[in-house]
Amino acid sequence: MAKETFSFDIVSEADLQEVDNAVNQAKKEMAQRFDFKGSKSSIEYNRAEKKITLVGDNDFKLNSVRDMLANKLAKRGVSVKFLTFKDPEQVFGGCLQQVADLASGIPQDKAKELVKIIKDLGLKTQAQIEGEKIRVSSPKKDDLQTVMAHLRKIDFPIAITFCNYR
């Protein structure tokens, strides 16, 4: 009889519906705030391209829009680490525009770092990179839960989530 193994996947993928909800809440707040009356500031979310475009009248307004979005994402349980902000650029009418890309997948170098962290724990677990995710398997569920708990505790530069726990 073959010995049963348990596994889970480590991915870097934001819940797109929660991101959509956070963007809509930020838009609603922007419409209600007095300091944004008559402003050209806006937030646009392109779900297909996984991009969020922020526009502000000036640097201060752009930072306010970014903070507003970050707060709404945090309230919905989406880490700001999923966003990669590009440098702001001048656009029409002297406004500033900043594009944020949503992370999808773990870069190869970060995946190798995660595998090394898991191996350094000294548990009987196997971690293997499969494309843009990492599969961790073990004959003991407790070892997998220990790995998850350890990865949640460390401050890793990219946001990671766990899925397909079996």
C-alpha atoms as a PDB file:
ATOM      1  CA  MET A   1       0.000   0.000   0.000  1.00  0.00           C
ATOM      2  CA  ALA A   2       1.405   3.369  -1.040  1.00  0.00           C
ATOM      3  CA  LYS A   3       1.972   5.931   1.682  1.00  0.00           C
ATOM      4  CA  GLU A   4      -0.364   8.925   1.422  1.00  0.00           C
ATOM      5  CA  THR A   5       1.177  12.363   0.914  1.00  0.00           C
ATOM      6  CA  PHE A   6      -0.451  15.716   1.507  1.00  0.00           C
ATOM      7  CA  SER A   7       0.342  18.923  -0.369  1.00  0.00           C
ATOM      8  CA  PHE A   8      -0.472  22.577  -0.938  1.00  0.00           C
ATOM      9  CA  ASP A   9       0.538  25.233  -3.469  1.00  0.00           C
ATOM     10  CA  ILE A  10       2.178  28.587  -2.801  1.00  0.00           C
ATOM     11  CA  VAL A  11       1.078  31.226  -5.298  1.00  0.00           C
ATOM     12  CA  SER A  12       1.264  34.991  -5.685  1.00  0.00           C
ATOM     13  CA  GLU A  13      -2.185  35.755  -7.019  1.00  0.00           C
ATOM     14  CA  ALA A  14      -4.603  38.407  -5.751  1.00  0.00           C
ATOM     15  CA  ASP A  15      -8.341  37.763  -5.521  1.00  0.00           C
ATOM     16  CA  LEU A  16      -9.442  39.840  -8.540  1.00  0.00           C
ATOM     17  CA  GLN A  17     -13.006  40.241  -7.273  1.00  0.00           C
ATOM     18  CA  GLU A  18     -11.753  41.734  -4.003  1.00  0.00           C
ATOM     19  CA  VAL A  19      -9.456  44.083  -5.942  1.00  0.00           C
ATOM     20  CA  ASP A  20     -12.443  45.139  -8.059  1.00  0.00           C
ATOM     21  CA  ASN A  21     -14.499  45.789  -4.914  1.00  0.00           C
ATOM     22  CA  ALA A  22     -11.678  47.803  -3.314  1.00  0.00           C
ATOM     23  CA  VAL A  23     -11.286  49.962  -6.443  1.00  0.00           C
ATOM     24  CA  ASN A  24     -15.049  50.627  -6.515  1.00  0.00           C
ATOM     25  CA  GLN A  25     -15.039  51.585  -2.824  1.00  0.00           C
ATOM     26  CA  ALA A  26     -12.092  53.943  -3.385  1.00  0.00           C
ATOM     27  CA  LYS A  27     -13.930  55.567  -6.320  1.00  0.00           C
ATOM     28  CA  LYS A  28     -17.002  56.035  -4.128  1.00  0.00           C
ATOM     29  CA  GLU A  29     -14.939  57.623  -1.350  1.00  0.00           C
ATOM     30  CA  MET A  30     -13.225  59.905  -3.862  1.00  0.00           C
ATOM     31  CA  ALA A  31     -16.610  61.099  -5.138  1.00  0.00           C
ATOM     32  CA  GLN A  32     -17.699  61.961  -1.591  1.00  0.00           C
ATOM     33  CA  ARG A  33     -14.554  63.699  -0.340  1.00  0.00           C
ATOM     34  CA  PHE A  34     -14.540  67.484  -0.329  1.00  0.00           C
ATOM     35  CA  ASP A  35     -10.856  67.781  -1.270  1.00  0.00           C
ATOM     36  CA  PHE A  36     -11.552  65.905  -4.543  1.00  0.00           C
ATOM     37  CA  LYS A  37     -14.486  68.108  -5.679  1.00  0.00           C
ATOM     38  CA  GLY A  38     -13.732  69.411  -9.201  1.00  0.00           C
ATOM     39  CA  SER A  39     -10.576  67.292  -9.362  1.00  0.00           C
ATOM     40  CA  LYS A  40      -9.461  65.260 -12.380  1.00  0.00           C
ATOM     41  CA  SER A  41      -8.262  62.486 -10.038  1.00  0.00           C
ATOM     42  CA  SER A  42      -9.462  58.983 -10.839  1.00  0.00           C
ATOM     43  CA  ILE A  43      -8.864  55.254 -10.448  1.00  0.00           C
ATOM     44  CA  GLU A  44      -9.350  52.825 -13.331  1.00  0.00           C
ATOM     45  CA  TYR A  45      -9.058  49.047 -13.052  1.00  0.00           C
ATOM     46  CA  ASN A  46      -8.455  46.853 -16.099  1.00  0.00           C
ATOM     47  CA  ARG A  47      -9.149  43.315 -14.910  1.00  0.00           C
ATOM     48  CA  ALA A  48      -8.065  41.637 -18.158  1.00  0.00           C
ATOM     49  CA  GLU A  49      -4.611  43.292 -18.138  1.00  0.00           C
ATOM     50  CA  LYS A  50      -4.377  43.248 -14.314  1.00  0.00           C
ATOM     51  CA  LYS A  51      -3.540  46.953 -14.171  1.00  0.00           C
ATOM     52  CA  ILE A  52      -4.783  49.792 -11.982  1.00  0.00           C
ATOM     53  CA  THR A  53      -4.298  53.335 -13.309  1.00  0.00           C
ATOM     54  CA  LEU A  54      -4.261  56.192 -10.800  1.00  0.00           C
ATOM     55  CA  VAL A  55      -4.575  59.827 -11.904  1.00  0.00           C
ATOM     56  CA  GLY A  56      -4.023  62.868  -9.676  1.00  0.00           C
ATOM     57  CA  ASP A  57      -4.037  66.619 -10.272  1.00  0.00           C
ATOM     58  CA  ASN A  58      -0.665  66.893  -8.529  1.00  0.00           C
ATOM     59  CA  ASP A  59       1.750  64.805  -6.477  1.00  0.00           C
ATOM     60  CA  PHE A  60      -0.228  65.306  -3.254  1.00  0.00           C
ATOM     61  CA  LYS A  61      -3.537  64.194  -4.819  1.00  0.00           C
ATOM     62  CA  LEU A  62      -1.860  61.179  -6.476  1.00  0.00           C
ATOM     63  CA  ASN A  63      -0.468  60.100  -3.091  1.00  0.00           C
ATOM     64  CA  SER A  64      -3.937  60.541  -1.548  1.00  0.00           C
ATOM     65  CA  VAL A  65      -5.482  58.344  -4.261  1.00  0.00           C
ATOM     66  CA  ARG A  66      -2.772  55.698  -3.720  1.00  0.00           C
ATOM     67  CA  ASP A  67      -3.333  55.745   0.066  1.00  0.00           C
ATOM     68  CA  MET A  68      -7.100  55.518  -0.401  1.00  0.00           C
ATOM     69  CA  LEU A  69      -6.673  52.449  -2.631  1.00  0.00           C
ATOM     70  CA  ALA A  70      -4.188  50.855  -0.205  1.00  0.00           C
ATOM     71  CA  ASN A  71      -6.629  51.305   2.703  1.00  0.00           C
ATOM     72  CA  LYS A  72      -9.517  49.764   0.763  1.00  0.00           C
ATOM     73  CA  LEU A  73      -7.351  46.818  -0.330  1.00  0.00           C
ATOM     74  CA  ALA A  74      -6.204  46.232   3.252  1.00  0.00           C
ATOM     75  CA  LYS A  75      -9.786  46.248   4.534  1.00  0.00           C
ATOM     76  CA  ARG A  76     -10.658  43.584   1.961  1.00  0.00           C
ATOM     77  CA  GLY A  77      -7.700  41.376   2.922  1.00  0.00           C
ATOM     78  CA  VAL A  78      -5.634  42.032  -0.223  1.00  0.00           C
ATOM     79  CA  SER A  79      -1.963  42.796   0.451  1.00  0.00           C
ATOM     80  CA  VAL A  80      -0.496  45.936  -1.133  1.00  0.00           C
ATOM     81  CA  LYS A  81       2.532  43.756  -1.992  1.00  0.00           C
ATOM     82  CA  PHE A  82       0.460  42.424  -4.915  1.00  0.00           C
ATOM     83  CA  LEU A  83       0.838  45.865  -6.553  1.00  0.00           C
ATOM     84  CA  THR A  84       3.971  46.986  -8.371  1.00  0.00           C
ATOM     85  CA  PHE A  85       3.823  50.748  -8.854  1.00  0.00           C
ATOM     86  CA  LYS A  86       5.586  52.302 -11.821  1.00  0.00           C
ATOM     87  CA  ASP A  87       6.972  55.857 -11.713  1.00  0.00           C
ATOM     88  CA  PRO A  88       4.365  58.628 -12.047  1.00  0.00           C
ATOM     89  CA  GLU A  89       4.345  60.379 -15.419  1.00  0.00           C
ATOM     90  CA  GLN A  90       2.924  63.674 -16.680  1.00  0.00           C
ATOM     91  CA  VAL A  91      -0.221  63.353 -18.785  1.00  0.00           C
ATOM     92  CA  PHE A  92      -2.895  65.647 -20.197  1.00  0.00           C
ATOM     93  CA  GLY A  93      -3.472  69.009 -18.505  1.00  0.00           C
ATOM     94  CA  GLY A  94      -0.544  68.735 -16.085  1.00  0.00           C
ATOM     95  CA  CYS A  95      -1.973  65.732 -14.245  1.00  0.00           C
ATOM     96  CA  LEU A  96       0.109  62.849 -12.968  1.00  0.00           C
ATOM     97  CA  GLN A  97      -0.657  59.242 -13.868  1.00  0.00           C
ATOM     98  CA  GLN A  98       0.707  56.154 -12.165  1.00  0.00           C
ATOM     99  CA  VAL A  99       0.141  52.564 -13.257  1.00  0.00           C
ATOM    100  CA  ALA A 100       0.185  49.645 -10.815  1.00  0.00           C
ATOM    101  CA  ASP A 101       0.538  46.075 -12.068  1.00  0.00           C
ATOM    102  CA  LEU A 102      -1.091  43.242 -10.138  1.00  0.00           C
ATOM    103  CA  ALA A 103       1.248  40.345  -9.407  1.00  0.00           C
ATOM    104  CA  SER A 104       0.495  37.050 -11.043  1.00  0.00           C
ATOM    105  CA  GLY A 105       2.885  34.230 -10.344  1.00  0.00           C
ATOM    106  CA  ILE A 106       6.075  33.950  -8.338  1.00  0.00           C
ATOM    107  CA  PRO A 107       9.250  35.100 -10.141  1.00  0.00           C
ATOM    108  CA  GLN A 108      11.892  32.352 -10.492  1.00  0.00           C
ATOM    109  CA  ASP A 109      14.441  33.975  -8.147  1.00  0.00           C
ATOM    110  CA  LYS A 110      11.834  34.480  -5.383  1.00  0.00           C
ATOM    111  CA  ALA A 111      10.608  30.897  -5.866  1.00  0.00           C
ATOM    112  CA  LYS A 112      14.149  29.595  -5.281  1.00  0.00           C
ATOM    113  CA  GLU A 113      14.380  31.742  -2.130  1.00  0.00           C
ATOM    114  CA  LEU A 114      11.106  30.270  -0.819  1.00  0.00           C
ATOM    115  CA  VAL A 115      12.245  26.697  -1.531  1.00  0.00           C
ATOM    116  CA  LYS A 116      15.486  27.371   0.370  1.00  0.00           C
ATOM    117  CA  ILE A 117      13.536  28.798   3.353  1.00  0.00           C
ATOM    118  CA  ILE A 118      11.319  25.696   3.403  1.00  0.00           C
ATOM    119  CA  LYS A 119      14.300  23.301   3.200  1.00  0.00           C
ATOM    120  CA  ASP A 120      16.109  25.207   5.987  1.00  0.00           C
ATOM    121  CA  LEU A 121      13.225  24.366   8.353  1.00  0.00           C
ATOM    122  CA  GLY A 122      14.536  20.799   8.477  1.00  0.00           C
ATOM    123  CA  LEU A 123      11.134  19.143   8.157  1.00  0.00           C
ATOM    124  CA  LYS A 124      10.322  16.126   6.009  1.00  0.00           C
ATOM    125  CA  THR A 125       8.796  18.220   3.247  1.00  0.00           C
ATOM    126  CA  GLN A 126       9.452  18.465  -0.454  1.00  0.00           C
ATOM    127  CA  ALA A 127       9.182  21.818  -2.235  1.00  0.00           C
ATOM    128  CA  GLN A 128       9.284  21.977  -6.011  1.00  0.00           C
ATOM    129  CA  ILE A 129       8.842  24.860  -8.413  1.00  0.00           C
ATOM    130  CA  GLU A 130       6.099  24.259 -10.985  1.00  0.00           C
ATOM    131  CA  GLY A 131       6.000  27.215 -13.361  1.00  0.00           C
ATOM    132  CA  GLU A 132       4.838  30.241 -11.378  1.00  0.00           C
ATOM    133  CA  LYS A 133       3.855  28.326  -8.236  1.00  0.00           C
ATOM    134  CA  ILE A 134       5.522  26.097  -5.666  1.00  0.00           C
ATOM    135  CA  ARG A 135       4.094  22.731  -4.607  1.00  0.00           C
ATOM    136  CA  VAL A 136       4.974  21.638  -1.071  1.00  0.00           C
ATOM    137  CA  SER A 137       4.272  18.018  -0.121  1.00  0.00           C
ATOM    138  CA  SER A 138       4.803  15.880   2.948  1.00  0.00           C
ATOM    139  CA  PRO A 139       3.515  12.631   4.483  1.00  0.00           C
ATOM    140  CA  LYS A 140       2.495  14.651   7.600  1.00  0.00           C
ATOM    141  CA  LYS A 141      -0.166  17.378   7.595  1.00  0.00           C
ATOM    142  CA  ASP A 142       1.466  18.915  10.681  1.00  0.00           C
ATOM    143  CA  ASP A 143       4.689  19.570   8.758  1.00  0.00           C
ATOM    144  CA  LEU A 144       2.738  21.374   6.031  1.00  0.00           C
ATOM    145  CA  GLN A 145       0.955  23.512   8.602  1.00  0.00           C
ATOM    146  CA  THR A 146       4.299  24.337  10.235  1.00  0.00           C
ATOM    147  CA  VAL A 147       5.629  25.495   6.836  1.00  0.00           C
ATOM    148  CA  MET A 148       2.526  27.648   6.279  1.00  0.00           C
ATOM    149  CA  ALA A 149       2.795  29.207   9.747  1.00  0.00           C
ATOM    150  CA  HIS A 150       6.494  29.975   9.229  1.00  0.00           C
ATOM    151  CA  LEU A 151       5.912  31.575   5.805  1.00  0.00           C
ATOM    152  CA  ARG A 152       3.087  33.725   7.226  1.00  0.00           C
ATOM    153  CA  LYS A 153       5.408  35.006   9.969  1.00  0.00           C
ATOM    154  CA  ILE A 154       8.294  36.122   7.749  1.00  0.00           C
ATOM    155  CA  ASP A 155       8.159  39.420   5.879  1.00  0.00           C
ATOM    156  CA  PHE A 156       8.675  38.210   2.310  1.00  0.00           C
ATOM    157  CA  PRO A 157       9.050  40.908  -0.408  1.00  0.00           C
ATOM    158  CA  ILE A 158       6.147  39.524  -2.471  1.00  0.00           C
ATOM    159  CA  ALA A 159       2.671  38.578  -1.290  1.00  0.00           C
ATOM    160  CA  ILE A 160       2.069  34.841  -1.142  1.00  0.00           C
ATOM    161  CA  THR A 161      -1.095  32.840  -0.661  1.00  0.00           C
ATOM    162  CA  PHE A 162      -1.759  29.149  -0.136  1.00  0.00           C
ATOM    163  CA  CYS A 163      -4.211  27.053  -2.138  1.00  0.00           C
ATOM    164  CA  ASN A 164      -5.035  23.464  -3.179  1.00  0.00           C
ATOM    165  CA  TYR A 165      -4.486  22.063   0.304  1.00  0.00           C
ATOM    166  CA  ARG A 166      -5.047  18.314   0.009  1.00  0.00           C
END
